[in-house]
């Protein structure tokens, strides 16, 4: 595994800042901030999860044709799942059928297991990919679950 280039590393880490701020607001902010901060934490994590799926889709699209055939399409499926998971968790919230906490935990769990997909990309991804993805997925997943526990 190679060292992560500076720009993706710093931009990736900067991508954790909104969730850090929202979790801080949930734990230390006034009570009236709780509901909007929890919803924003869900929306941000869902947005990033969908973005991650888009990166998987892009990696699949850029793969040589012979390699795409050998993957049997699993990368394409994996690329669509994060946005569907985020949407599925948002729907009951907007319909008032569930509190936000179960959706935050489910989304955080999805982020925590997403490195399993990254690891299976193998030669399709840059050599430094796991060095970038692992801390970001674990960080955002843990922060999202922390938002649920606030």
N, C-alpha and C. Protein backbone atom coordinates (compact mmCIF):
# COMPACT_ATOMS: atom_id res chain seq x y z
N UNK A 1 0.85 -1.18 0.00
CA UNK A 1 0.00 0.00 0.00
C UNK A 1 0.89 1.24 0.00
N UNK A 2 0.62 2.14 -0.90
CA UNK A 2 1.42 3.36 -1.01
C UNK A 2 0.83 4.47 -0.14
N UNK A 3 1.64 5.47 0.10
CA UNK A 3 1.18 6.63 0.86
C UNK A 3 0.12 7.37 0.05
N UNK A 4 -0.88 7.86 0.76
CA UNK A 4 -1.96 8.61 0.13
C UNK A 4 -1.41 9.97 -0.31
N UNK A 5 -1.66 10.37 -1.55
CA UNK A 5 -1.22 11.71 -1.98
C UNK A 5 -1.84 12.79 -1.08
N UNK A 6 -1.12 13.88 -0.93
CA UNK A 6 -1.54 14.93 -0.01
C UNK A 6 -2.93 15.48 -0.28
N UNK A 7 -3.23 15.83 -1.52
CA UNK A 7 -4.51 16.47 -1.81
C UNK A 7 -5.71 15.58 -1.44
N UNK A 8 -5.77 14.32 -1.90
CA UNK A 8 -6.90 13.50 -1.47
C UNK A 8 -6.95 13.28 0.04
N UNK A 9 -5.78 13.15 0.66
CA UNK A 9 -5.76 12.93 2.11
C UNK A 9 -6.34 14.12 2.85
N UNK A 10 -5.88 15.33 2.53
CA UNK A 10 -6.35 16.52 3.24
C UNK A 10 -7.80 16.85 2.91
N UNK A 11 -8.19 16.68 1.67
CA UNK A 11 -9.59 16.92 1.32
C UNK A 11 -10.50 15.89 1.98
N UNK A 12 -10.05 14.64 2.03
CA UNK A 12 -10.83 13.60 2.69
C UNK A 12 -11.01 13.90 4.17
N UNK A 13 -9.92 14.27 4.83
CA UNK A 13 -10.00 14.60 6.26
C UNK A 13 -10.87 15.83 6.49
N UNK A 14 -10.78 16.81 5.59
CA UNK A 14 -11.65 17.99 5.71
C UNK A 14 -13.12 17.60 5.59
N UNK A 15 -13.37 16.52 4.84
CA UNK A 15 -14.75 16.04 4.71
C UNK A 15 -15.34 15.51 6.00
N UNK A 16 -14.51 15.23 6.99
CA UNK A 16 -15.01 14.80 8.30
C UNK A 16 -15.45 15.99 9.16
N UNK A 17 -14.98 17.20 8.84
CA UNK A 17 -15.25 18.36 9.68
C UNK A 17 -16.73 18.66 9.87
N UNK A 18 -17.57 18.62 8.83
CA UNK A 18 -18.99 18.89 9.09
C UNK A 18 -19.62 17.93 10.10
N UNK A 19 -19.28 16.65 10.00
CA UNK A 19 -19.86 15.68 10.93
C UNK A 19 -19.30 15.89 12.34
N UNK A 20 -18.05 16.25 12.45
CA UNK A 20 -17.47 16.55 13.76
C UNK A 20 -18.22 17.72 14.39
N UNK A 21 -18.46 18.76 13.60
CA UNK A 21 -19.20 19.92 14.10
C UNK A 21 -20.62 19.59 14.52
N UNK A 22 -21.28 18.74 13.72
CA UNK A 22 -22.66 18.35 14.06
C UNK A 22 -22.71 17.49 15.31
N UNK A 23 -21.78 16.58 15.46
CA UNK A 23 -21.75 15.76 16.67
C UNK A 23 -21.44 16.63 17.89
N UNK A 24 -20.54 17.60 17.73
CA UNK A 24 -20.26 18.53 18.83
C UNK A 24 -21.52 19.31 19.20
N UNK A 25 -22.27 19.74 18.20
CA UNK A 25 -23.53 20.46 18.47
C UNK A 25 -24.53 19.57 19.18
N UNK A 26 -24.57 18.30 18.82
CA UNK A 26 -25.50 17.37 19.47
C UNK A 26 -25.14 17.15 20.93
N UNK A 27 -23.87 17.08 21.23
CA UNK A 27 -23.45 16.81 22.61
C UNK A 27 -23.34 18.06 23.47
N UNK A 28 -22.98 19.20 22.86
CA UNK A 28 -22.70 20.38 23.66
C UNK A 28 -23.63 21.56 23.38
N UNK A 29 -24.40 21.47 22.32
CA UNK A 29 -25.25 22.58 21.95
C UNK A 29 -26.54 22.62 22.75
N UNK A 30 -27.30 23.69 22.59
CA UNK A 30 -28.58 23.79 23.29
C UNK A 30 -29.57 22.75 22.77
N UNK A 31 -30.55 22.41 23.58
CA UNK A 31 -31.51 21.37 23.20
C UNK A 31 -32.23 21.65 21.87
N UNK A 32 -32.47 22.90 21.56
CA UNK A 32 -33.18 23.21 20.31
C UNK A 32 -32.35 22.90 19.06
N UNK A 33 -31.07 22.67 19.23
CA UNK A 33 -30.22 22.29 18.10
C UNK A 33 -30.28 20.80 17.82
N UNK A 34 -30.77 20.01 18.75
CA UNK A 34 -30.65 18.55 18.64
C UNK A 34 -31.33 18.00 17.39
N UNK A 35 -32.58 18.31 17.19
CA UNK A 35 -33.30 17.73 16.04
C UNK A 35 -32.69 18.15 14.69
N UNK A 36 -32.46 19.46 14.48
CA UNK A 36 -31.85 19.81 13.18
C UNK A 36 -30.44 19.27 13.02
N UNK A 37 -29.64 19.23 14.10
CA UNK A 37 -28.28 18.72 13.98
C UNK A 37 -28.28 17.22 13.67
N UNK A 38 -29.20 16.47 14.28
CA UNK A 38 -29.28 15.03 14.00
C UNK A 38 -29.70 14.80 12.55
N UNK A 39 -30.67 15.57 12.06
CA UNK A 39 -31.09 15.42 10.67
C UNK A 39 -29.96 15.79 9.72
N UNK A 40 -29.26 16.88 10.01
CA UNK A 40 -28.12 17.26 9.17
C UNK A 40 -27.01 16.21 9.21
N UNK A 41 -26.79 15.60 10.37
CA UNK A 41 -25.78 14.54 10.47
C UNK A 41 -26.18 13.36 9.59
N UNK A 42 -27.46 13.02 9.58
CA UNK A 42 -27.93 11.94 8.71
C UNK A 42 -27.75 12.33 7.24
N UNK A 43 -28.19 13.52 6.89
CA UNK A 43 -28.11 13.95 5.49
C UNK A 43 -26.66 14.01 5.01
N UNK A 44 -25.76 14.52 5.85
CA UNK A 44 -24.37 14.61 5.44
C UNK A 44 -23.76 13.22 5.25
N UNK A 45 -23.99 12.33 6.22
CA UNK A 45 -23.45 10.97 6.09
C UNK A 45 -24.03 10.27 4.87
N UNK A 46 -25.33 10.46 4.62
CA UNK A 46 -25.97 9.86 3.45
C UNK A 46 -25.39 10.40 2.15
N UNK A 47 -25.13 11.69 2.13
CA UNK A 47 -24.54 12.31 0.95
C UNK A 47 -23.15 11.74 0.68
N UNK A 48 -22.35 11.63 1.72
CA UNK A 48 -21.00 11.09 1.55
C UNK A 48 -21.05 9.61 1.18
N UNK A 49 -21.97 8.86 1.77
CA UNK A 49 -22.11 7.44 1.44
C UNK A 49 -22.49 7.28 -0.04
N UNK A 50 -23.43 8.11 -0.51
CA UNK A 50 -23.81 8.06 -1.93
C UNK A 50 -22.62 8.46 -2.82
N UNK A 51 -21.85 9.45 -2.38
CA UNK A 51 -20.65 9.86 -3.12
C UNK A 51 -19.67 8.69 -3.21
N UNK A 52 -19.50 7.96 -2.10
CA UNK A 52 -18.62 6.80 -2.10
C UNK A 52 -19.10 5.77 -3.13
N UNK A 53 -20.41 5.52 -3.16
CA UNK A 53 -20.94 4.62 -4.17
C UNK A 53 -20.63 5.10 -5.58
N UNK A 54 -20.70 6.41 -5.77
CA UNK A 54 -20.35 6.98 -7.07
C UNK A 54 -18.89 6.76 -7.42
N UNK A 55 -18.02 6.78 -6.41
CA UNK A 55 -16.60 6.51 -6.71
C UNK A 55 -16.43 5.06 -7.13
N UNK A 56 -17.16 4.15 -6.48
CA UNK A 56 -17.07 2.74 -6.88
C UNK A 56 -17.57 2.56 -8.30
N UNK A 57 -18.66 3.23 -8.64
CA UNK A 57 -19.23 3.18 -9.98
C UNK A 57 -18.20 3.70 -10.98
N UNK A 58 -17.55 4.82 -10.65
CA UNK A 58 -16.54 5.39 -11.53
C UNK A 58 -15.34 4.47 -11.69
N UNK A 59 -14.92 3.83 -10.61
CA UNK A 59 -13.81 2.88 -10.69
C UNK A 59 -14.18 1.72 -11.62
N UNK A 60 -15.43 1.25 -11.51
CA UNK A 60 -15.88 0.16 -12.39
C UNK A 60 -15.90 0.62 -13.84
N UNK A 61 -16.35 1.84 -14.07
CA UNK A 61 -16.45 2.34 -15.44
C UNK A 61 -15.08 2.53 -16.08
N UNK A 62 -14.07 2.83 -15.27
CA UNK A 62 -12.73 3.06 -15.80
C UNK A 62 -11.92 1.78 -15.94
N UNK A 63 -12.43 0.68 -15.42
CA UNK A 63 -11.68 -0.57 -15.49
C UNK A 63 -11.61 -1.07 -16.93
N UNK A 64 -10.52 -1.74 -17.28
CA UNK A 64 -10.45 -2.34 -18.61
C UNK A 64 -11.60 -3.34 -18.80
N UNK A 65 -12.07 -3.47 -20.02
CA UNK A 65 -13.24 -4.32 -20.30
C UNK A 65 -13.04 -5.75 -19.81
N UNK A 66 -11.87 -6.31 -20.00
CA UNK A 66 -11.63 -7.70 -19.56
C UNK A 66 -11.76 -7.81 -18.05
N UNK A 67 -11.29 -6.81 -17.34
CA UNK A 67 -11.38 -6.84 -15.88
C UNK A 67 -12.83 -6.66 -15.43
N UNK A 68 -13.59 -5.82 -16.12
CA UNK A 68 -15.01 -5.63 -15.77
C UNK A 68 -15.76 -6.94 -15.93
N UNK A 69 -15.47 -7.71 -16.96
CA UNK A 69 -16.15 -8.99 -17.16
C UNK A 69 -15.84 -9.96 -16.02
N UNK A 70 -14.60 -9.95 -15.54
CA UNK A 70 -14.21 -10.85 -14.46
C UNK A 70 -14.86 -10.49 -13.13
N UNK A 71 -15.25 -9.24 -12.94
CA UNK A 71 -15.84 -8.84 -11.66
C UNK A 71 -17.30 -9.22 -11.57
N UNK A 72 -17.91 -9.69 -12.65
CA UNK A 72 -19.29 -10.15 -12.67
C UNK A 72 -20.29 -9.09 -12.20
N UNK A 73 -19.93 -7.86 -12.36
CA UNK A 73 -20.88 -6.78 -12.09
C UNK A 73 -21.05 -6.40 -10.63
N UNK A 74 -20.35 -7.04 -9.71
CA UNK A 74 -20.57 -6.73 -8.30
C UNK A 74 -20.21 -5.28 -7.97
N UNK A 75 -19.22 -4.72 -8.66
CA UNK A 75 -18.82 -3.34 -8.37
C UNK A 75 -19.95 -2.38 -8.76
N UNK A 76 -20.63 -2.66 -9.86
CA UNK A 76 -21.74 -1.81 -10.29
C UNK A 76 -22.86 -1.85 -9.24
N UNK A 77 -23.14 -3.03 -8.75
CA UNK A 77 -24.18 -3.18 -7.72
C UNK A 77 -23.76 -2.45 -6.45
N UNK A 78 -22.52 -2.66 -6.04
CA UNK A 78 -22.02 -1.97 -4.84
C UNK A 78 -22.09 -0.46 -5.02
N UNK A 79 -21.87 0.02 -6.22
CA UNK A 79 -21.90 1.45 -6.48
C UNK A 79 -23.28 2.08 -6.31
N UNK A 80 -24.32 1.30 -6.48
CA UNK A 80 -25.70 1.81 -6.36
C UNK A 80 -26.23 1.68 -4.93
N UNK A 81 -25.75 0.69 -4.19
CA UNK A 81 -26.30 0.41 -2.87
C UNK A 81 -26.22 1.57 -1.86
N UNK A 82 -25.12 2.31 -1.77
CA UNK A 82 -25.08 3.37 -0.76
C UNK A 82 -26.20 4.42 -0.91
N UNK A 83 -26.48 4.83 -2.13
CA UNK A 83 -27.55 5.83 -2.30
C UNK A 83 -28.91 5.22 -1.97
N UNK A 84 -29.11 3.95 -2.30
CA UNK A 84 -30.38 3.30 -1.96
C UNK A 84 -30.53 3.12 -0.45
N UNK A 85 -29.44 2.78 0.22
CA UNK A 85 -29.48 2.64 1.68
C UNK A 85 -29.78 3.99 2.33
N UNK A 86 -29.11 5.03 1.88
CA UNK A 86 -29.35 6.36 2.44
C UNK A 86 -30.79 6.81 2.21
N UNK A 87 -31.31 6.56 1.02
CA UNK A 87 -32.69 6.92 0.71
C UNK A 87 -33.66 6.12 1.56
N UNK A 88 -33.40 4.82 1.70
CA UNK A 88 -34.29 3.97 2.48
C UNK A 88 -34.34 4.41 3.94
N UNK A 89 -33.23 4.85 4.48
CA UNK A 89 -33.22 5.32 5.87
C UNK A 89 -33.87 6.67 6.05
N UNK A 90 -33.89 7.47 5.01
CA UNK A 90 -34.49 8.80 5.09
C UNK A 90 -36.00 8.76 4.97
N UNK A 91 -36.51 7.83 4.20
CA UNK A 91 -37.95 7.77 3.94
C UNK A 91 -38.79 7.64 5.20
N UNK A 92 -38.51 6.68 6.10
CA UNK A 92 -39.35 6.61 7.31
C UNK A 92 -39.24 7.85 8.19
N UNK A 93 -38.06 8.50 8.16
CA UNK A 93 -37.91 9.73 8.94
C UNK A 93 -38.85 10.81 8.44
N UNK A 94 -38.89 10.97 7.14
CA UNK A 94 -39.73 12.02 6.56
C UNK A 94 -41.21 11.70 6.68
N UNK A 95 -41.54 10.44 6.77
CA UNK A 95 -42.94 10.04 6.96
C UNK A 95 -43.33 10.02 8.44
N UNK A 96 -42.37 10.27 9.31
CA UNK A 96 -42.64 10.28 10.74
C UNK A 96 -42.85 8.91 11.34
N UNK A 97 -42.39 7.87 10.65
CA UNK A 97 -42.61 6.50 11.12
C UNK A 97 -41.56 6.04 12.12
N UNK A 98 -40.38 6.67 12.13
CA UNK A 98 -39.29 6.26 13.02
C UNK A 98 -38.60 7.50 13.57
N UNK A 99 -38.01 7.37 14.75
CA UNK A 99 -37.09 8.43 15.17
C UNK A 99 -35.81 8.34 14.33
N UNK A 100 -34.98 9.33 14.41
CA UNK A 100 -33.80 9.39 13.54
C UNK A 100 -32.68 8.43 13.98
N UNK A 101 -32.65 8.07 15.24
CA UNK A 101 -31.52 7.30 15.76
C UNK A 101 -31.30 5.97 15.04
N UNK A 102 -32.34 5.14 14.78
CA UNK A 102 -32.08 3.89 14.06
C UNK A 102 -31.51 4.12 12.65
N UNK A 103 -31.97 5.16 12.00
CA UNK A 103 -31.44 5.45 10.66
C UNK A 103 -29.99 5.89 10.72
N UNK A 104 -29.64 6.68 11.74
CA UNK A 104 -28.23 7.08 11.91
C UNK A 104 -27.34 5.86 12.17
N UNK A 105 -27.81 4.95 13.01
CA UNK A 105 -27.02 3.75 13.32
C UNK A 105 -26.86 2.89 12.06
N UNK A 106 -27.93 2.71 11.31
CA UNK A 106 -27.85 1.90 10.08
C UNK A 106 -26.89 2.53 9.07
N UNK A 107 -26.98 3.83 8.91
CA UNK A 107 -26.10 4.52 7.97
C UNK A 107 -24.66 4.47 8.46
N UNK A 108 -24.45 4.69 9.75
CA UNK A 108 -23.10 4.58 10.31
C UNK A 108 -22.54 3.18 10.13
N UNK A 109 -23.38 2.17 10.34
CA UNK A 109 -22.95 0.79 10.13
C UNK A 109 -22.56 0.53 8.69
N UNK A 110 -23.33 1.06 7.75
CA UNK A 110 -22.99 0.92 6.33
C UNK A 110 -21.64 1.54 6.02
N UNK A 111 -21.39 2.70 6.61
CA UNK A 111 -20.08 3.34 6.40
C UNK A 111 -18.95 2.51 7.02
N UNK A 112 -19.21 1.93 8.18
CA UNK A 112 -18.17 1.14 8.85
C UNK A 112 -17.81 -0.12 8.06
N UNK A 113 -18.77 -0.70 7.35
CA UNK A 113 -18.45 -1.91 6.58
C UNK A 113 -18.06 -1.62 5.13
N UNK A 114 -18.16 -0.36 4.72
CA UNK A 114 -17.82 -0.03 3.33
C UNK A 114 -16.37 -0.33 2.96
N UNK A 115 -15.40 -0.31 3.87
CA UNK A 115 -14.05 -0.70 3.47
C UNK A 115 -13.95 -2.13 2.94
N UNK A 116 -14.93 -2.97 3.25
CA UNK A 116 -14.92 -4.32 2.68
C UNK A 116 -15.05 -4.25 1.16
N UNK A 117 -15.87 -3.33 0.67
CA UNK A 117 -15.99 -3.14 -0.78
C UNK A 117 -14.69 -2.57 -1.33
N UNK A 118 -14.17 -1.55 -0.64
CA UNK A 118 -12.91 -0.93 -1.09
C UNK A 118 -11.81 -1.98 -1.20
N UNK A 119 -11.73 -2.88 -0.23
CA UNK A 119 -10.69 -3.91 -0.23
C UNK A 119 -10.86 -4.86 -1.41
N UNK A 120 -12.09 -5.14 -1.80
CA UNK A 120 -12.33 -6.06 -2.92
C UNK A 120 -12.04 -5.42 -4.28
N UNK A 121 -11.90 -4.11 -4.32
CA UNK A 121 -11.60 -3.45 -5.60
C UNK A 121 -10.24 -3.88 -6.14
N UNK A 122 -9.34 -4.21 -5.24
CA UNK A 122 -8.03 -4.70 -5.64
C UNK A 122 -7.33 -3.78 -6.63
N UNK A 123 -6.93 -4.36 -7.76
CA UNK A 123 -6.15 -3.64 -8.77
C UNK A 123 -6.95 -2.57 -9.49
N UNK A 124 -8.27 -2.57 -9.34
CA UNK A 124 -9.07 -1.52 -9.98
C UNK A 124 -8.80 -0.15 -9.36
N UNK A 125 -8.51 -0.13 -8.08
CA UNK A 125 -8.31 1.13 -7.35
C UNK A 125 -6.82 1.48 -7.28
N UNK A 126 -6.54 2.76 -7.03
CA UNK A 126 -5.12 3.12 -6.83
C UNK A 126 -4.53 2.35 -5.65
N UNK A 127 -3.23 2.17 -5.66
CA UNK A 127 -2.57 1.42 -4.58
C UNK A 127 -2.79 2.05 -3.21
N UNK A 128 -2.98 3.34 -3.16
CA UNK A 128 -3.14 4.06 -1.90
C UNK A 128 -4.60 4.13 -1.45
N UNK A 129 -5.51 3.55 -2.19
CA UNK A 129 -6.95 3.68 -1.95
C UNK A 129 -7.35 3.29 -0.52
N UNK A 130 -6.91 2.14 -0.06
CA UNK A 130 -7.29 1.70 1.28
C UNK A 130 -6.72 2.61 2.36
N UNK A 131 -5.56 3.17 2.12
CA UNK A 131 -4.98 4.12 3.07
C UNK A 131 -5.83 5.36 3.23
N UNK A 132 -6.56 5.71 2.18
CA UNK A 132 -7.48 6.85 2.24
C UNK A 132 -8.81 6.42 2.80
N UNK A 133 -9.35 5.35 2.28
CA UNK A 133 -10.73 4.95 2.60
C UNK A 133 -10.91 4.47 4.03
N UNK A 134 -9.99 3.71 4.53
CA UNK A 134 -10.17 3.11 5.86
C UNK A 134 -10.39 4.16 6.94
N UNK A 135 -9.49 5.14 7.12
CA UNK A 135 -9.73 6.11 8.18
C UNK A 135 -10.97 6.98 7.94
N UNK A 136 -11.26 7.28 6.68
CA UNK A 136 -12.42 8.12 6.41
C UNK A 136 -13.73 7.38 6.68
N UNK A 137 -13.82 6.13 6.23
CA UNK A 137 -15.04 5.35 6.47
C UNK A 137 -15.24 5.05 7.95
N UNK A 138 -14.16 4.67 8.63
CA UNK A 138 -14.27 4.39 10.05
C UNK A 138 -14.59 5.67 10.83
N UNK A 139 -13.97 6.76 10.44
CA UNK A 139 -14.23 8.04 11.12
C UNK A 139 -15.67 8.51 10.95
N UNK A 140 -16.14 8.54 9.70
CA UNK A 140 -17.50 9.01 9.46
C UNK A 140 -18.53 8.05 10.01
N UNK A 141 -18.26 6.75 9.91
CA UNK A 141 -19.18 5.77 10.48
C UNK A 141 -19.31 5.93 11.99
N UNK A 142 -18.19 6.07 12.67
CA UNK A 142 -18.21 6.24 14.13
C UNK A 142 -18.87 7.55 14.53
N UNK A 143 -18.58 8.63 13.80
CA UNK A 143 -19.22 9.91 14.10
C UNK A 143 -20.73 9.85 13.89
N UNK A 144 -21.18 9.13 12.88
CA UNK A 144 -22.60 9.03 12.60
C UNK A 144 -23.30 8.23 13.69
N UNK A 145 -22.67 7.18 14.16
CA UNK A 145 -23.25 6.42 15.27
C UNK A 145 -23.21 7.27 16.55
N UNK A 146 -22.14 8.04 16.74
CA UNK A 146 -22.09 8.93 17.90
C UNK A 146 -23.23 9.95 17.86
N UNK A 147 -23.59 10.39 16.67
CA UNK A 147 -24.74 11.31 16.54
C UNK A 147 -26.02 10.62 17.01
N UNK A 148 -26.16 9.35 16.72
CA UNK A 148 -27.36 8.62 17.14
C UNK A 148 -27.41 8.47 18.65
N UNK A 149 -26.27 8.40 19.29
CA UNK A 149 -26.22 8.16 20.73
C UNK A 149 -26.32 9.44 21.56
N UNK A 150 -26.31 10.59 20.88
CA UNK A 150 -26.35 11.87 21.60
C UNK A 150 -27.70 12.08 22.27
